[in-house]
Amino acid sequence: MDYSFRLANQQDLPAIVAIYNSTVASREVTADTEPVSVESRQAWFDHHNPERRPLWVVEQDGAILGWLSYSDFYGRPAYAGTAELSIYLHEDARGKGLGRYLLGQAIDHAPAIGVHTLLGFVFGHNQPSLKLFDAFGFERWANMPRVATLDGIERDLVILGKRVA
């Protein structure tokens, strides 16, 4: 597929939020249980910057199909070389290799922004995401049993990690 990615801009935020919200009902991808608003995601959006914690959108033929963000891990200076990755895809783009494309780009780009360790926080029942990270050599560094409750069902959180530099 012919994808391109670029830094997200303010005009992309509604599409980013719509893609995020499309995952809420599945109870497989996010711990949010209700859709979020564009306004509620503004501070999160503003926290990203190209030099250290970029937020990218991926496009095909001008349409935003997904996004990827690097986020701070734990927010303390000693962890500056570690970033959490988040990948969210439009419903029509799932299962077509776009996640592989984005994760590969994120791994390749990490050293250029001073990141030596990447993390993924994935629900234990989210098999597609676990398989994606496994395919890129991420290891299971932690299993946090039953830390989330979604519709009355307790769910595990798996922390996946990979040293990239």
C-alpha atoms as a PDB file:
ATOM      1  CA  MET A   1       0.000   0.000   0.000  1.00  0.00           C
ATOM      2  CA  ASP A   2       1.086   3.548  -0.650  1.00  0.00           C
ATOM      3  CA  TYR A   3       1.020   5.301   2.721  1.00  0.00           C
ATOM      4  CA  SER A   4       2.618   8.522   3.813  1.00  0.00           C
ATOM      5  CA  PHE A   5       2.962   9.917   7.273  1.00  0.00           C
ATOM      6  CA  ARG A   6       3.471  13.439   8.513  1.00  0.00           C
ATOM      7  CA  LEU A   7       3.354  15.408  11.712  1.00  0.00           C
ATOM      8  CA  ALA A   8      -0.174  16.056  12.864  1.00  0.00           C
ATOM      9  CA  ASN A   9      -1.451  19.612  12.869  1.00  0.00           C
ATOM     10  CA  GLN A  10      -4.314  21.255  14.722  1.00  0.00           C
ATOM     11  CA  GLN A  11      -6.714  20.660  11.825  1.00  0.00           C
ATOM     12  CA  ASP A  12      -6.109  16.902  12.183  1.00  0.00           C
ATOM     13  CA  LEU A  13      -7.301  16.717  15.783  1.00  0.00           C
ATOM     14  CA  PRO A  14     -10.976  16.010  14.963  1.00  0.00           C
ATOM     15  CA  ALA A  15      -9.949  13.072  12.729  1.00  0.00           C
ATOM     16  CA  ILE A  16      -7.529  11.801  15.385  1.00  0.00           C
ATOM     17  CA  VAL A  17     -10.281  11.907  18.004  1.00  0.00           C
ATOM     18  CA  ALA A  18     -12.797  10.241  15.675  1.00  0.00           C
ATOM     19  CA  ILE A  19     -10.397   7.364  15.021  1.00  0.00           C
ATOM     20  CA  TYR A  20      -9.720   7.028  18.745  1.00  0.00           C
ATOM     21  CA  ASN A  21     -13.423   7.084  19.551  1.00  0.00           C
ATOM     22  CA  SER A  22     -14.092   4.358  16.978  1.00  0.00           C
ATOM     23  CA  THR A  23     -12.187   1.957  19.261  1.00  0.00           C
ATOM     24  CA  VAL A  24     -14.028   2.704  22.500  1.00  0.00           C
ATOM     25  CA  ALA A  25     -17.006   0.389  21.948  1.00  0.00           C
ATOM     26  CA  SER A  26     -14.819  -2.654  21.247  1.00  0.00           C
ATOM     27  CA  ARG A  27     -13.470  -2.627  24.817  1.00  0.00           C
ATOM     28  CA  GLU A  28     -10.284  -4.042  23.303  1.00  0.00           C
ATOM     29  CA  VAL A  29      -8.053  -1.042  22.640  1.00  0.00           C
ATOM     30  CA  THR A  30      -8.601   1.795  25.123  1.00  0.00           C
ATOM     31  CA  ALA A  31      -9.522   2.070  28.773  1.00  0.00           C
ATOM     32  CA  ASP A  32     -11.888   4.934  28.006  1.00  0.00           C
ATOM     33  CA  THR A  33     -15.451   3.697  28.277  1.00  0.00           C
ATOM     34  CA  GLU A  34     -17.122   6.694  26.625  1.00  0.00           C
ATOM     35  CA  PRO A  35     -16.092   8.705  23.559  1.00  0.00           C
ATOM     36  CA  VAL A  36     -13.838  11.696  24.252  1.00  0.00           C
ATOM     37  CA  SER A  37     -14.250  15.205  22.895  1.00  0.00           C
ATOM     38  CA  VAL A  38     -11.857  17.137  20.714  1.00  0.00           C
ATOM     39  CA  GLU A  39     -11.621  19.741  23.473  1.00  0.00           C
ATOM     40  CA  SER A  40     -10.683  17.135  26.074  1.00  0.00           C
ATOM     41  CA  ARG A  41      -7.776  15.953  23.894  1.00  0.00           C
ATOM     42  CA  GLN A  42      -6.309  19.410  23.226  1.00  0.00           C
ATOM     43  CA  ALA A  43      -3.776  19.354  26.097  1.00  0.00           C
ATOM     44  CA  TRP A  44      -2.655  15.855  25.053  1.00  0.00           C
ATOM     45  CA  PHE A  45      -2.262  17.074  21.470  1.00  0.00           C
ATOM     46  CA  ASP A  46      -0.313  20.164  22.579  1.00  0.00           C
ATOM     47  CA  HIS A  47       2.080  18.050  24.649  1.00  0.00           C
ATOM     48  CA  HIS A  48       3.441  16.369  21.514  1.00  0.00           C
ATOM     49  CA  ASN A  49       6.365  17.939  19.709  1.00  0.00           C
ATOM     50  CA  PRO A  50       8.402  16.867  16.676  1.00  0.00           C
ATOM     51  CA  GLU A  51      11.761  16.919  18.448  1.00  0.00           C
ATOM     52  CA  ARG A  52      10.965  14.529  21.315  1.00  0.00           C
ATOM     53  CA  ARG A  53       7.411  13.176  21.210  1.00  0.00           C
ATOM     54  CA  PRO A  54       5.925  13.423  17.734  1.00  0.00           C
ATOM     55  CA  LEU A  55       2.342  12.721  16.812  1.00  0.00           C
ATOM     56  CA  TRP A  56       1.943  11.511  13.248  1.00  0.00           C
ATOM     57  CA  VAL A  57      -1.004  10.923  11.024  1.00  0.00           C
ATOM     58  CA  VAL A  58      -0.843   8.427   8.202  1.00  0.00           C
ATOM     59  CA  GLU A  59      -2.620   9.188   4.964  1.00  0.00           C
ATOM     60  CA  GLN A  60      -3.541   7.537   1.734  1.00  0.00           C
ATOM     61  CA  ASP A  61      -4.871   9.651  -1.113  1.00  0.00           C
ATOM     62  CA  GLY A  62      -5.315  12.574   1.289  1.00  0.00           C
ATOM     63  CA  ALA A  63      -7.459  10.671   3.798  1.00  0.00           C
ATOM     64  CA  ILE A  64      -6.259  10.150   7.367  1.00  0.00           C
ATOM     65  CA  LEU A  65      -6.276   6.424   8.038  1.00  0.00           C
ATOM     66  CA  GLY A  66      -4.615   6.385  11.430  1.00  0.00           C
ATOM     67  CA  TRP A  67      -2.197   7.972  13.824  1.00  0.00           C
ATOM     68  CA  LEU A  68       0.789   7.171  15.981  1.00  0.00           C
ATOM     69  CA  SER A  69       2.071   8.977  19.036  1.00  0.00           C
ATOM     70  CA  TYR A  70       5.140   8.791  21.201  1.00  0.00           C
ATOM     71  CA  SER A  71       4.283   9.693  24.796  1.00  0.00           C
ATOM     72  CA  ASP A  72       6.348  10.193  27.915  1.00  0.00           C
ATOM     73  CA  PHE A  73       6.714   7.208  30.175  1.00  0.00           C
ATOM     74  CA  TYR A  74       6.178   8.104  33.813  1.00  0.00           C
ATOM     75  CA  GLY A  75       7.048  11.768  33.302  1.00  0.00           C
ATOM     76  CA  ARG A  76      10.358  11.819  35.170  1.00  0.00           C
ATOM     77  CA  PRO A  77      13.641  13.048  33.611  1.00  0.00           C
ATOM     78  CA  ALA A  78      15.460   9.738  34.070  1.00  0.00           C
ATOM     79  CA  TYR A  79      12.917   8.099  31.753  1.00  0.00           C
ATOM     80  CA  ALA A  80      13.375  10.607  28.899  1.00  0.00           C
ATOM     81  CA  GLY A  81      14.857   7.913  26.642  1.00  0.00           C
ATOM     82  CA  THR A  82      11.777   5.729  27.000  1.00  0.00           C
ATOM     83  CA  ALA A  83       8.529   6.386  25.147  1.00  0.00           C
ATOM     84  CA  GLU A  84       5.140   4.731  25.026  1.00  0.00           C
ATOM     85  CA  LEU A  85       3.776   4.161  21.540  1.00  0.00           C
ATOM     86  CA  SER A  86       0.103   4.391  20.657  1.00  0.00           C
ATOM     87  CA  ILE A  87      -1.254   3.329  17.288  1.00  0.00           C
ATOM     88  CA  TYR A  88      -4.886   3.854  16.310  1.00  0.00           C
ATOM     89  CA  LEU A  89      -6.368   2.985  12.932  1.00  0.00           C
ATOM     90  CA  HIS A  90      -9.559   3.937  11.129  1.00  0.00           C
ATOM     91  CA  GLU A  91     -12.019   1.042  11.055  1.00  0.00           C
ATOM     92  CA  ASP A  92     -11.623   0.643   7.285  1.00  0.00           C
ATOM     93  CA  ALA A  93      -7.826   0.454   7.570  1.00  0.00           C
ATOM     94  CA  ARG A  94      -7.519  -2.290  10.184  1.00  0.00           C
ATOM     95  CA  GLY A  95      -6.028  -5.643   9.261  1.00  0.00           C
ATOM     96  CA  LYS A  96      -4.401  -4.343   6.071  1.00  0.00           C
ATOM     97  CA  GLY A  97      -0.791  -3.832   7.175  1.00  0.00           C
ATOM     98  CA  LEU A  98      -1.047  -0.208   8.241  1.00  0.00           C
ATOM     99  CA  GLY A  99      -0.194  -0.989  11.858  1.00  0.00           C
ATOM    100  CA  ARG A 100       2.936  -2.815  10.687  1.00  0.00           C
ATOM    101  CA  TYR A 101       3.887   0.179   8.574  1.00  0.00           C
ATOM    102  CA  LEU A 102       3.468   2.625  11.460  1.00  0.00           C
ATOM    103  CA  LEU A 103       5.241   0.483  14.025  1.00  0.00           C
ATOM    104  CA  GLY A 104       8.172  -0.037  11.655  1.00  0.00           C
ATOM    105  CA  GLN A 105       8.420   3.715  11.056  1.00  0.00           C
ATOM    106  CA  ALA A 106       8.236   4.405  14.796  1.00  0.00           C
ATOM    107  CA  ILE A 107      11.045   1.968  15.591  1.00  0.00           C
ATOM    108  CA  ASP A 108      13.247   3.402  12.845  1.00  0.00           C
ATOM    109  CA  HIS A 109      12.617   6.999  13.948  1.00  0.00           C
ATOM    110  CA  ALA A 110      13.061   6.508  17.703  1.00  0.00           C
ATOM    111  CA  PRO A 111      16.860   7.053  17.876  1.00  0.00           C
ATOM    112  CA  ALA A 112      16.515  10.351  15.985  1.00  0.00           C
ATOM    113  CA  ILE A 113      14.382  11.731  18.845  1.00  0.00           C
ATOM    114  CA  GLY A 114      16.578  10.378  21.633  1.00  0.00           C
ATOM    115  CA  VAL A 115      14.454   7.316  22.382  1.00  0.00           C
ATOM    116  CA  HIS A 116      16.269   4.069  23.130  1.00  0.00           C
ATOM    117  CA  THR A 117      13.374   2.088  24.588  1.00  0.00           C
ATOM    118  CA  LEU A 118       9.836   1.745  23.256  1.00  0.00           C
ATOM    119  CA  LEU A 119       6.859   0.497  25.221  1.00  0.00           C
ATOM    120  CA  GLY A 120       3.414  -0.661  24.244  1.00  0.00           C
ATOM    121  CA  PHE A 121       0.572  -0.909  26.760  1.00  0.00           C
ATOM    122  CA  VAL A 122      -1.878  -3.476  25.391  1.00  0.00           C
ATOM    123  CA  PHE A 123      -4.864  -5.231  26.922  1.00  0.00           C
ATOM    124  CA  GLY A 124      -4.202  -8.939  27.338  1.00  0.00           C
ATOM    125  CA  HIS A 125      -7.272  -9.796  25.253  1.00  0.00           C
ATOM    126  CA  ASN A 126      -6.223  -7.556  22.313  1.00  0.00           C
ATOM    127  CA  GLN A 127      -4.683 -10.311  20.221  1.00  0.00           C
ATOM    128  CA  PRO A 128      -4.178  -8.278  17.009  1.00  0.00           C
ATOM    129  CA  SER A 129      -2.082  -5.673  18.837  1.00  0.00           C
ATOM    130  CA  LEU A 130      -0.138  -8.270  20.816  1.00  0.00           C
ATOM    131  CA  LYS A 131       0.693 -10.092  17.569  1.00  0.00           C
ATOM    132  CA  LEU A 132       1.760  -6.845  15.926  1.00  0.00           C
ATOM    133  CA  PHE A 133       4.235  -5.989  18.676  1.00  0.00           C
ATOM    134  CA  ASP A 134       5.433  -9.604  18.839  1.00  0.00           C
ATOM    135  CA  ALA A 135       6.197  -9.498  15.103  1.00  0.00           C
ATOM    136  CA  PHE A 136       8.615  -6.614  15.720  1.00  0.00           C
ATOM    137  CA  GLY A 137      10.470  -8.341  18.539  1.00  0.00           C
ATOM    138  CA  PHE A 138       8.821  -6.635  21.490  1.00  0.00           C
ATOM    139  CA  GLU A 139       9.002  -8.705  24.648  1.00  0.00           C
ATOM    140  CA  ARG A 140       6.427  -9.003  27.398  1.00  0.00           C
ATOM    141  CA  TRP A 141       8.025  -7.056  30.205  1.00  0.00           C
ATOM    142  CA  ALA A 142       5.043  -7.006  32.549  1.00  0.00           C
ATOM    143  CA  ASN A 143       1.612  -8.487  32.999  1.00  0.00           C
ATOM    144  CA  MET A 144      -0.675  -6.520  35.231  1.00  0.00           C
ATOM    145  CA  PRO A 145      -3.557  -8.862  35.980  1.00  0.00           C
ATOM    146  CA  ARG A 146      -7.095  -7.519  36.243  1.00  0.00           C
ATOM    147  CA  VAL A 147      -6.120  -3.839  36.534  1.00  0.00           C
ATOM    148  CA  ALA A 148      -8.920  -2.610  34.251  1.00  0.00           C
ATOM    149  CA  THR A 149     -12.637  -3.233  34.477  1.00  0.00           C
ATOM    150  CA  LEU A 150     -14.599  -2.937  31.249  1.00  0.00           C
ATOM    151  CA  ASP A 151     -18.331  -3.578  31.401  1.00  0.00           C
ATOM    152  CA  GLY A 152     -17.874  -5.520  34.621  1.00  0.00           C
ATOM    153  CA  ILE A 153     -15.100  -7.724  33.221  1.00  0.00           C
ATOM    154  CA  GLU A 154     -11.638  -7.446  34.734  1.00  0.00           C
ATOM    155  CA  ARG A 155      -8.904  -7.198  32.104  1.00  0.00           C
ATOM    156  CA  ASP A 156      -5.125  -7.593  32.139  1.00  0.00           C
ATOM    157  CA  LEU A 157      -2.702  -4.996  30.863  1.00  0.00           C
ATOM    158  CA  VAL A 158       0.443  -6.250  29.148  1.00  0.00           C
ATOM    159  CA  ILE A 159       3.475  -3.985  28.923  1.00  0.00           C
ATOM    160  CA  LEU A 160       5.588  -4.766  25.890  1.00  0.00           C
ATOM    161  CA  GLY A 161       9.079  -3.395  25.502  1.00  0.00           C
ATOM    162  CA  LYS A 162      11.889  -3.190  22.994  1.00  0.00           C
ATOM    163  CA  ARG A 163      15.329  -1.627  23.160  1.00  0.00           C
ATOM    164  CA  VAL A 164      15.908   0.150  19.827  1.00  0.00           C
ATOM    165  CA  ALA A 165      19.220   1.983  20.305  1.00  0.00           C
END
